[in-house]
């Protein structure tokens, strides 16, 4: 109990294929990949936005 065997994963895959159909899976995976890429890009952009604020604090202290 607690771990899944190969048979369990085959059953889950079969249910997903029946529920969504084989044609929708590639488009769903593509949308998921786009979402992950945009999330990672958002994380990379965030620290750059904070740098000017930190520099203004340094110039205010002088």
Protein backbone atom coordinates (compact mmCIF):
# COMPACT_ATOMS: atom_id res chain seq x y z
CA UNK A 1 0.00 0.00 0.00
CA UNK A 2 1.28 3.47 -0.78
CA UNK A 3 3.17 2.68 -3.95
CA UNK A 4 1.77 2.16 -7.40
CA UNK A 5 2.68 -0.74 -9.62
CA UNK A 6 2.99 -0.65 -13.39
CA UNK A 7 -0.53 -2.06 -13.67
CA UNK A 8 -1.95 0.90 -11.75
CA UNK A 9 -0.26 3.37 -14.11
CA UNK A 10 -1.58 1.49 -17.15
CA UNK A 11 -5.14 1.69 -15.77
CA UNK A 12 -4.74 5.42 -15.05
CA UNK A 13 -3.40 6.03 -18.56
CA UNK A 14 -6.30 4.07 -20.09
CA UNK A 15 -8.85 6.10 -18.10
CA UNK A 16 -7.20 9.37 -19.16
CA UNK A 17 -7.20 8.29 -22.81
CA UNK A 18 -10.87 7.33 -22.61
CA UNK A 19 -11.85 10.53 -20.79
CA UNK A 20 -9.89 13.04 -22.86
CA UNK A 21 -9.36 11.14 -26.08
CA UNK A 22 -6.04 10.66 -27.85
CA UNK A 23 -6.46 13.83 -29.94
CA UNK A 24 -6.67 16.23 -26.99
CA UNK A 25 -3.62 14.96 -25.08
CA UNK A 26 -0.94 16.56 -27.30
CA UNK A 27 -2.68 19.94 -27.19
CA UNK A 28 -3.09 19.70 -23.42
CA UNK A 29 0.60 18.86 -22.97
CA UNK A 30 1.54 21.74 -25.26
CA UNK A 31 -0.55 24.15 -23.20
CA UNK A 32 1.01 22.81 -20.01
CA UNK A 33 4.52 23.30 -21.43
CA UNK A 34 3.68 26.89 -22.46
CA UNK A 35 2.40 27.60 -18.97
CA UNK A 36 5.57 26.24 -17.36
CA UNK A 37 7.78 28.27 -19.72
CA UNK A 38 5.89 31.49 -19.01
CA UNK A 39 6.07 30.80 -15.26
CA UNK A 40 9.84 30.32 -15.45
CA UNK A 41 10.20 33.48 -17.53
CA UNK A 42 8.19 35.36 -14.92
CA UNK A 43 10.51 34.15 -12.18
CA UNK A 44 13.57 35.33 -14.13
CA UNK A 45 12.07 38.80 -14.74
CA UNK A 46 11.15 39.43 -11.10
CA UNK A 47 14.65 39.98 -9.57
CA UNK A 48 15.52 42.51 -12.29
CA UNK A 49 12.53 44.62 -11.31
CA UNK A 50 13.75 44.74 -7.70
CA UNK A 51 17.28 45.95 -8.53
CA UNK A 52 16.38 49.59 -9.35
CA UNK A 53 14.46 49.86 -6.08
CA UNK A 54 17.53 48.69 -4.14
CA UNK A 55 19.75 51.18 -5.99
CA UNK A 56 17.40 54.06 -5.15
CA UNK A 57 17.66 53.18 -1.46
CA UNK A 58 21.45 53.37 -1.67
CA UNK A 59 21.33 56.78 -3.38
CA UNK A 60 18.84 58.04 -0.73
CA UNK A 61 21.25 57.07 2.06
CA UNK A 62 24.05 59.23 0.62
